[in-house]
């Protein structure tokens, strides 16, 4: 399942918290010019879990989320 969605009662629905994370990633990258590593460090530092409930974000995950968000715009 892609980042920004979740399954509820067998249906795929928007995951609003993850959509806010995507918007934050886009803002941090596009408006503030932060690297994928800096964004990953930020989310890890404030304790936002990944899709797999991990505490530590990886720059490659951020890169993939960012790339997918650009495609879907």
Protein backbone atom coordinates (compact mmCIF):
# COMPACT_ATOMS: atom_id res chain seq x y z
CA UNK A 1 0.00 0.00 0.00
CA UNK A 2 1.40 3.38 -0.93
CA UNK A 3 2.29 6.04 1.57
CA UNK A 4 -0.74 8.32 2.18
CA UNK A 5 -3.33 5.53 2.18
CA UNK A 6 -4.53 2.91 4.62
CA UNK A 7 -6.95 0.02 4.61
CA UNK A 8 -10.12 0.36 6.66
CA UNK A 9 -12.69 -2.44 6.59
CA UNK A 10 -11.18 -3.76 3.40
CA UNK A 11 -11.23 -0.42 1.58
CA UNK A 12 -8.27 1.79 0.75
CA UNK A 13 -8.83 5.26 2.14
CA UNK A 14 -6.70 8.40 2.56
CA UNK A 15 -4.38 8.46 5.56
CA UNK A 16 -4.61 12.09 6.62
CA UNK A 17 -1.58 12.08 8.94
CA UNK A 18 0.60 10.63 6.18
CA UNK A 19 -0.73 13.18 3.72
CA UNK A 20 0.38 15.93 6.12
CA UNK A 21 3.84 14.34 6.22
CA UNK A 22 3.96 14.41 2.41
CA UNK A 23 3.03 18.10 2.38
CA UNK A 24 5.73 18.79 4.95
CA UNK A 25 8.32 16.89 2.90
CA UNK A 26 7.38 18.85 -0.21
CA UNK A 27 7.59 22.15 1.67
CA UNK A 28 10.91 21.34 3.33
CA UNK A 29 12.44 20.28 0.02
CA UNK A 30 10.91 22.81 -2.39
CA UNK A 31 10.62 25.94 -0.27
CA UNK A 32 13.52 25.47 2.13
CA UNK A 33 15.91 23.42 0.00
CA UNK A 34 16.60 20.81 2.67
CA UNK A 35 18.31 17.56 1.73
CA UNK A 36 16.50 14.24 1.98
CA UNK A 37 18.80 13.35 4.88
CA UNK A 38 17.92 16.55 6.79
CA UNK A 39 14.22 15.85 6.30
CA UNK A 40 14.67 12.25 7.48
CA UNK A 41 16.57 13.47 10.54
CA UNK A 42 13.79 15.96 11.30
CA UNK A 43 11.03 13.33 11.25
CA UNK A 44 13.15 10.90 13.26
CA UNK A 45 13.91 13.64 15.77
CA UNK A 46 10.30 14.57 16.42
CA UNK A 47 9.18 10.94 16.63
CA UNK A 48 6.89 10.62 13.64
CA UNK A 49 6.74 6.91 12.78
CA UNK A 50 7.28 5.59 9.27
CA UNK A 51 4.63 3.57 7.42
CA UNK A 52 6.14 0.45 9.01
CA UNK A 53 6.01 2.04 12.48
CA UNK A 54 9.77 2.56 12.66
CA UNK A 55 11.14 5.52 14.60
CA UNK A 56 14.09 6.21 12.29
CA UNK A 57 13.49 7.63 8.85
CA UNK A 58 15.80 6.88 5.94
CA UNK A 59 16.71 9.42 3.28
CA UNK A 60 15.77 6.93 0.54
CA UNK A 61 12.24 6.64 1.93
CA UNK A 62 11.96 10.43 1.90
CA UNK A 63 13.30 10.49 -1.68
CA UNK A 64 10.69 7.93 -2.80
CA UNK A 65 7.82 9.73 -1.08
CA UNK A 66 8.96 13.02 -2.60
CA UNK A 67 9.29 11.51 -6.07
CA UNK A 68 5.87 9.88 -5.91
CA UNK A 69 4.29 13.10 -4.69
CA UNK A 70 5.77 15.00 -7.64
CA UNK A 71 4.38 12.43 -10.08
CA UNK A 72 0.91 12.66 -8.52
CA UNK A 73 0.70 16.45 -8.62
